[in-house]
Amino acid sequence: MKFYKTGEQVNYGLYISPRAMDMCFIGAEGEALNGVPGAMYARLPVLLMLVLSPAFGGVFVMSFPVIVVAMVAYVMFQGIALMIKNMFRRHANLVVMRWEPTMAYFNKKNKTVVDSQKKDSEKK
């Protein structure tokens, strides 16, 4: 089997690159093979494609319902996960302890304000 590089002049036919997961159809003789840069393509015979086309169609028809069910399950899972994440995020402040008793005790600014308020209330 002969391989062709992207950009080479090739004959009429169907060319496939398994590594690049690409397929190119060349509609005229001597046309350049436009495809993935640096990919190697092999020419598929027309008779082989006539035989394989119904098989590809059958695989698609059989796997399409599975793909649809999988995508619906994925979207539902994403929605449920988002709801749970938002619920936990909404209540995350309840888990975090922001009260620091030692910092409140050693904070001189608050102590002087409280002392001055006590003195004001004693004067009255």
N, C-alpha and C. Protein backbone atom coordinates (compact mmCIF):
# COMPACT_ATOMS: atom_id res chain seq x y z
N MET A 1 0.85 -1.18 0.00
CA MET A 1 0.00 0.00 0.00
C MET A 1 0.90 1.24 0.00
N LYS A 2 0.62 2.13 -0.91
CA LYS A 2 1.44 3.35 -1.05
C LYS A 2 0.83 4.47 -0.20
N PHE A 3 1.71 5.23 0.44
CA PHE A 3 1.28 6.36 1.27
C PHE A 3 1.64 7.67 0.61
N TYR A 4 0.80 8.66 0.81
CA TYR A 4 0.99 9.98 0.22
C TYR A 4 1.01 11.01 1.34
N LYS A 5 1.86 12.04 1.15
CA LYS A 5 1.95 13.13 2.13
C LYS A 5 0.99 14.25 1.73
N THR A 6 0.61 15.05 2.70
CA THR A 6 -0.25 16.21 2.43
C THR A 6 0.45 17.15 1.45
N GLY A 7 -0.26 17.60 0.44
CA GLY A 7 0.28 18.53 -0.55
C GLY A 7 0.76 17.86 -1.83
N GLU A 8 0.88 16.53 -1.85
CA GLU A 8 1.32 15.83 -3.06
C GLU A 8 0.21 15.80 -4.10
N GLN A 9 0.62 15.71 -5.38
CA GLN A 9 -0.33 15.55 -6.48
C GLN A 9 -0.76 14.09 -6.52
N VAL A 10 -2.07 13.85 -6.44
CA VAL A 10 -2.57 12.47 -6.40
C VAL A 10 -3.67 12.28 -7.44
N ASN A 11 -4.02 11.03 -7.70
CA ASN A 11 -5.09 10.68 -8.63
C ASN A 11 -6.45 10.78 -7.95
N TYR A 12 -7.49 10.66 -8.79
CA TYR A 12 -8.86 10.67 -8.33
C TYR A 12 -9.08 9.54 -7.32
N GLY A 13 -9.79 9.80 -6.20
CA GLY A 13 -10.09 8.73 -5.25
C GLY A 13 -10.29 9.25 -3.84
N LEU A 14 -10.41 8.31 -2.94
CA LEU A 14 -10.63 8.59 -1.52
C LEU A 14 -9.35 8.24 -0.77
N TYR A 15 -8.88 9.16 0.05
CA TYR A 15 -7.64 8.98 0.79
C TYR A 15 -7.94 9.11 2.28
N ILE A 16 -7.34 8.21 3.07
CA ILE A 16 -7.61 8.19 4.50
C ILE A 16 -6.29 8.19 5.27
N SER A 17 -6.30 8.89 6.41
CA SER A 17 -5.16 8.92 7.31
C SER A 17 -5.63 8.43 8.68
N PRO A 18 -5.31 7.19 9.05
CA PRO A 18 -5.77 6.66 10.33
C PRO A 18 -5.20 7.40 11.54
N ARG A 19 -3.96 7.80 11.49
CA ARG A 19 -3.36 8.51 12.64
C ARG A 19 -3.95 9.89 12.83
N ALA A 20 -4.20 10.60 11.75
CA ALA A 20 -4.76 11.96 11.85
C ALA A 20 -6.28 11.94 11.92
N MET A 21 -6.89 10.74 11.78
CA MET A 21 -8.35 10.60 11.79
C MET A 21 -8.99 11.54 10.76
N ASP A 22 -8.47 11.48 9.53
CA ASP A 22 -8.93 12.37 8.48
C ASP A 22 -9.18 11.58 7.20
N MET A 23 -10.15 12.04 6.43
CA MET A 23 -10.48 11.42 5.15
C MET A 23 -10.63 12.54 4.12
N CYS A 24 -10.01 12.38 2.95
CA CYS A 24 -10.08 13.39 1.89
C CYS A 24 -10.55 12.74 0.59
N PHE A 25 -11.42 13.45 -0.10
CA PHE A 25 -11.87 12.99 -1.41
C PHE A 25 -11.24 13.89 -2.45
N ILE A 26 -10.59 13.29 -3.42
CA ILE A 26 -9.97 14.03 -4.52
C ILE A 26 -10.83 13.79 -5.76
N GLY A 27 -11.37 14.89 -6.32
CA GLY A 27 -12.32 14.78 -7.41
C GLY A 27 -11.74 14.92 -8.80
N ALA A 28 -10.44 15.20 -8.94
CA ALA A 28 -9.86 15.38 -10.27
C ALA A 28 -8.45 14.81 -10.28
N GLU A 29 -7.99 14.43 -11.46
CA GLU A 29 -6.64 13.90 -11.60
C GLU A 29 -5.61 15.00 -11.36
N GLY A 30 -4.55 14.68 -10.65
CA GLY A 30 -3.46 15.62 -10.44
C GLY A 30 -3.77 16.72 -9.44
N GLU A 31 -4.80 16.56 -8.67
CA GLU A 31 -5.15 17.57 -7.66
C GLU A 31 -4.29 17.35 -6.41
N ALA A 32 -3.99 18.44 -5.70
CA ALA A 32 -3.16 18.34 -4.49
C ALA A 32 -3.99 17.74 -3.36
N LEU A 33 -3.33 16.93 -2.54
CA LEU A 33 -3.97 16.30 -1.40
C LEU A 33 -3.99 17.29 -0.24
N ASN A 34 -5.15 17.90 -0.02
CA ASN A 34 -5.29 18.87 1.07
C ASN A 34 -5.81 18.13 2.29
N GLY A 35 -5.07 18.21 3.36
CA GLY A 35 -5.47 17.52 4.58
C GLY A 35 -4.71 18.07 5.77
N VAL A 36 -4.61 17.27 6.79
CA VAL A 36 -3.89 17.66 8.01
C VAL A 36 -2.41 17.77 7.67
N PRO A 37 -1.78 18.91 8.05
CA PRO A 37 -0.35 19.08 7.73
C PRO A 37 0.51 17.98 8.36
N GLY A 38 1.38 17.40 7.54
CA GLY A 38 2.31 16.38 8.00
C GLY A 38 1.72 14.98 8.09
N ALA A 39 0.48 14.79 7.72
CA ALA A 39 -0.17 13.47 7.81
C ALA A 39 0.16 12.63 6.59
N MET A 40 0.13 11.32 6.78
CA MET A 40 0.34 10.36 5.70
C MET A 40 -1.01 9.73 5.35
N TYR A 41 -1.33 9.71 4.06
CA TYR A 41 -2.62 9.21 3.58
C TYR A 41 -2.41 7.98 2.72
N ALA A 42 -3.38 7.07 2.79
CA ALA A 42 -3.40 5.89 1.93
C ALA A 42 -4.67 5.95 1.09
N ARG A 43 -4.58 5.50 -0.17
CA ARG A 43 -5.73 5.54 -1.07
C ARG A 43 -6.59 4.30 -0.82
N LEU A 44 -7.89 4.52 -0.66
CA LEU A 44 -8.83 3.42 -0.50
C LEU A 44 -9.48 3.12 -1.85
N PRO A 45 -9.51 1.86 -2.24
CA PRO A 45 -10.17 1.49 -3.50
C PRO A 45 -11.68 1.73 -3.42
N VAL A 46 -12.28 2.07 -4.54
CA VAL A 46 -13.71 2.37 -4.61
C VAL A 46 -14.53 1.15 -4.24
N LEU A 47 -14.13 -0.03 -4.71
CA LEU A 47 -14.88 -1.25 -4.39
C LEU A 47 -14.88 -1.53 -2.89
N LEU A 48 -13.77 -1.28 -2.24
CA LEU A 48 -13.70 -1.47 -0.79
C LEU A 48 -14.66 -0.52 -0.08
N MET A 49 -14.75 0.71 -0.55
CA MET A 49 -15.67 1.66 0.06
C MET A 49 -17.12 1.27 -0.19
N LEU A 50 -17.41 0.69 -1.35
CA LEU A 50 -18.77 0.22 -1.63
C LEU A 50 -19.17 -0.90 -0.67
N VAL A 51 -18.22 -1.72 -0.31
CA VAL A 51 -18.50 -2.82 0.63
C VAL A 51 -18.59 -2.29 2.06
N LEU A 52 -17.73 -1.37 2.44
CA LEU A 52 -17.67 -0.88 3.82
C LEU A 52 -18.73 0.16 4.17
N SER A 53 -19.27 0.86 3.19
CA SER A 53 -20.26 1.91 3.47
C SER A 53 -21.49 1.39 4.22
N PRO A 54 -22.10 0.29 3.82
CA PRO A 54 -23.24 -0.21 4.60
C PRO A 54 -22.83 -0.63 6.02
N ALA A 55 -21.62 -1.14 6.17
CA ALA A 55 -21.16 -1.52 7.51
C ALA A 55 -21.00 -0.28 8.39
N PHE A 56 -20.42 0.79 7.84
CA PHE A 56 -20.29 2.04 8.60
C PHE A 56 -21.66 2.58 8.98
N GLY A 57 -22.59 2.54 8.05
CA GLY A 57 -23.95 3.01 8.33
C GLY A 57 -24.62 2.18 9.41
N GLY A 58 -24.44 0.87 9.37
CA GLY A 58 -25.01 -0.01 10.38
C GLY A 58 -24.44 0.25 11.76
N VAL A 59 -23.13 0.46 11.82
CA VAL A 59 -22.51 0.78 13.11
C VAL A 59 -23.06 2.10 13.64
N PHE A 60 -23.24 3.07 12.77
CA PHE A 60 -23.78 4.36 13.20
C PHE A 60 -25.21 4.20 13.71
N VAL A 61 -26.05 3.47 12.98
CA VAL A 61 -27.45 3.29 13.37
C VAL A 61 -27.54 2.54 14.70
N MET A 62 -26.69 1.57 14.91
CA MET A 62 -26.72 0.79 16.16
C MET A 62 -26.16 1.58 17.34
N SER A 63 -25.18 2.43 17.13
CA SER A 63 -24.55 3.14 18.24
C SER A 63 -25.19 4.49 18.54
N PHE A 64 -25.97 5.04 17.64
CA PHE A 64 -26.55 6.36 17.85
C PHE A 64 -27.46 6.42 19.08
N PRO A 65 -28.35 5.46 19.31
CA PRO A 65 -29.16 5.52 20.54
C PRO A 65 -28.32 5.49 21.82
N VAL A 66 -27.25 4.72 21.80
CA VAL A 66 -26.37 4.67 22.97
C VAL A 66 -25.71 6.03 23.19
N ILE A 67 -25.29 6.67 22.12
CA ILE A 67 -24.67 7.98 22.22
C ILE A 67 -25.67 9.00 22.77
N VAL A 68 -26.92 8.95 22.31
CA VAL A 68 -27.94 9.89 22.78
C VAL A 68 -28.21 9.69 24.26
N VAL A 69 -28.38 8.44 24.70
CA VAL A 69 -28.64 8.16 26.11
C VAL A 69 -27.46 8.59 26.97
N ALA A 70 -26.25 8.35 26.50
CA ALA A 70 -25.07 8.75 27.26
C ALA A 70 -24.99 10.27 27.39
N MET A 71 -25.29 11.00 26.33
CA MET A 71 -25.24 12.46 26.40
C MET A 71 -26.32 13.02 27.32
N VAL A 72 -27.53 12.45 27.29
CA VAL A 72 -28.59 12.90 28.19
C VAL A 72 -28.21 12.63 29.63
N ALA A 73 -27.65 11.45 29.92
CA ALA A 73 -27.19 11.13 31.27
C ALA A 73 -26.09 12.09 31.71
N TYR A 74 -25.18 12.42 30.81
CA TYR A 74 -24.09 13.35 31.13
C TYR A 74 -24.63 14.74 31.48
N VAL A 75 -25.59 15.23 30.69
CA VAL A 75 -26.16 16.55 30.95
C VAL A 75 -26.92 16.55 32.28
N MET A 76 -27.66 15.48 32.55
CA MET A 76 -28.37 15.41 33.83
C MET A 76 -27.40 15.35 35.00
N PHE A 77 -26.33 14.59 34.86
CA PHE A 77 -25.32 14.52 35.91
C PHE A 77 -24.68 15.88 36.15
N GLN A 78 -24.39 16.62 35.08
CA GLN A 78 -23.80 17.95 35.22
C GLN A 78 -24.76 18.89 35.95
N GLY A 79 -26.07 18.82 35.65
CA GLY A 79 -27.05 19.66 36.32
C GLY A 79 -27.17 19.34 37.80
N ILE A 80 -27.20 18.05 38.13
CA ILE A 80 -27.28 17.65 39.54
C ILE A 80 -26.02 18.05 40.28
N ALA A 81 -24.87 17.86 39.66
CA ALA A 81 -23.60 18.24 40.29
C ALA A 81 -23.55 19.75 40.52
N LEU A 82 -24.06 20.54 39.58
CA LEU A 82 -24.08 22.00 39.74
C LEU A 82 -24.99 22.41 40.89
N MET A 83 -26.16 21.76 41.01
CA MET A 83 -27.06 22.08 42.12
C MET A 83 -26.43 21.76 43.46
N ILE A 84 -25.78 20.61 43.57
CA ILE A 84 -25.13 20.22 44.83
C ILE A 84 -23.98 21.17 45.15
N LYS A 85 -23.20 21.52 44.13
CA LYS A 85 -22.08 22.44 44.35
C LYS A 85 -22.57 23.80 44.82
N ASN A 86 -23.65 24.31 44.21
CA ASN A 86 -24.20 25.60 44.63
C ASN A 86 -24.77 25.53 46.05
N MET A 87 -25.38 24.41 46.40
CA MET A 87 -25.92 24.25 47.75
C MET A 87 -24.79 24.31 48.78
N PHE A 88 -23.70 23.59 48.53
CA PHE A 88 -22.59 23.61 49.47
C PHE A 88 -21.89 24.98 49.48
N ARG A 89 -21.80 25.61 48.33
CA ARG A 89 -21.16 26.91 48.26
C ARG A 89 -21.98 27.96 49.03
N ARG A 90 -23.31 27.85 48.97
CA ARG A 90 -24.19 28.79 49.65
C ARG A 90 -24.05 28.68 51.17
N HIS A 91 -23.78 27.47 51.67
CA HIS A 91 -23.68 27.26 53.11
C HIS A 91 -22.24 27.10 53.58
N ALA A 92 -21.27 27.41 52.75
CA ALA A 92 -19.87 27.24 53.12
C ALA A 92 -19.46 28.19 54.23
N ASN A 93 -20.11 29.34 54.35
CA ASN A 93 -19.74 30.29 55.40
C ASN A 93 -20.06 29.74 56.78
N LEU A 94 -20.95 28.77 56.90
CA LEU A 94 -21.27 28.18 58.19
C LEU A 94 -20.16 27.29 58.71
N VAL A 95 -19.33 26.81 57.83
CA VAL A 95 -18.25 25.91 58.21
C VAL A 95 -17.02 26.69 58.65
N VAL A 96 -16.82 27.87 58.11
CA VAL A 96 -15.64 28.66 58.39
C VAL A 96 -15.82 29.42 59.70
N MET A 97 -14.85 29.27 60.62
CA MET A 97 -14.91 29.98 61.90
C MET A 97 -14.13 31.28 61.76
N ARG A 98 -14.83 32.39 61.88
CA ARG A 98 -14.16 33.68 61.74
C ARG A 98 -13.91 34.35 63.09
N TRP A 99 -14.44 33.82 64.14
CA TRP A 99 -14.26 34.42 65.46
C TRP A 99 -12.96 33.94 66.06
N GLU A 100 -12.10 34.86 66.39
CA GLU A 100 -10.80 34.54 66.96
C GLU A 100 -10.71 35.19 68.33
N PRO A 101 -10.93 34.45 69.41
CA PRO A 101 -10.98 35.05 70.74
C PRO A 101 -9.66 35.69 71.16
N THR A 102 -8.54 35.10 70.78
CA THR A 102 -7.26 35.69 71.18
C THR A 102 -7.03 37.02 70.49
N MET A 103 -7.44 37.13 69.24
CA MET A 103 -7.28 38.39 68.53
C MET A 103 -8.19 39.47 69.14
N ALA A 104 -9.36 39.08 69.58
CA ALA A 104 -10.26 40.04 70.21
C ALA A 104 -9.68 40.51 71.55
N TYR A 105 -9.03 39.64 72.28
CA TYR A 105 -8.47 40.00 73.59
C TYR A 105 -7.26 40.92 73.43
N PHE A 106 -6.41 40.63 72.46
CA PHE A 106 -5.19 41.40 72.30
C PHE A 106 -5.35 42.65 71.45
N ASN A 107 -6.51 42.92 70.93
CA ASN A 107 -6.73 44.09 70.09
C ASN A 107 -6.87 45.32 71.00
N LYS A 108 -5.88 46.18 71.04
CA LYS A 108 -5.84 47.34 71.94
C LYS A 108 -6.84 48.41 71.53
N LYS A 109 -7.08 48.55 70.24
CA LYS A 109 -8.01 49.59 69.78
C LYS A 109 -9.39 49.36 70.36
N ASN A 110 -9.87 48.15 70.29
CA ASN A 110 -11.19 47.85 70.82
C ASN A 110 -11.23 47.99 72.33
N LYS A 111 -10.13 47.66 72.99
CA LYS A 111 -10.08 47.73 74.45
C LYS A 111 -10.17 49.18 74.91
N THR A 112 -9.47 50.10 74.23
CA THR A 112 -9.52 51.50 74.62
C THR A 112 -10.91 52.08 74.36
N VAL A 113 -11.55 51.66 73.31
CA VAL A 113 -12.90 52.15 73.02
C VAL A 113 -13.87 51.66 74.09
N VAL A 114 -13.74 50.40 74.48
CA VAL A 114 -14.63 49.84 75.50
C VAL A 114 -14.36 50.53 76.84
N ASP A 115 -13.08 50.77 77.19
CA ASP A 115 -12.74 51.44 78.44
C ASP A 115 -13.30 52.85 78.47
N SER A 116 -13.19 53.57 77.35
CA SER A 116 -13.72 54.94 77.32
C SER A 116 -15.24 54.93 77.42
N GLN A 117 -15.90 53.94 76.87
CA GLN A 117 -17.35 53.85 77.00
C GLN A 117 -17.74 53.55 78.43
N LYS A 118 -16.96 52.74 79.13
CA LYS A 118 -17.24 52.45 80.55
C LYS A 118 -17.09 53.71 81.40
N LYS A 119 -16.05 54.46 81.11
CA LYS A 119 -15.83 55.70 81.87
C LYS A 119 -16.96 56.69 81.63
N ASP A 120 -17.43 56.77 80.38
CA ASP A 120 -18.54 57.67 80.07
C ASP A 120 -19.80 57.26 80.78
N SER A 121 -20.05 55.95 80.85
CA SER A 121 -21.25 55.49 81.52
C SER A 121 -21.15 55.66 83.04
N GLU A 122 -19.94 55.60 83.62
CA GLU A 122 -19.75 55.82 85.05
C GLU A 122 -19.96 57.29 85.42
N LYS A 123 -19.60 58.20 84.55
CA LYS A 123 -19.75 59.62 84.79
C LYS A 123 -21.22 60.04 84.83
N LYS A 124 -22.05 59.34 84.11
CA LYS A 124 -23.46 59.72 84.06
C LYS A 124 -24.11 59.24 85.28
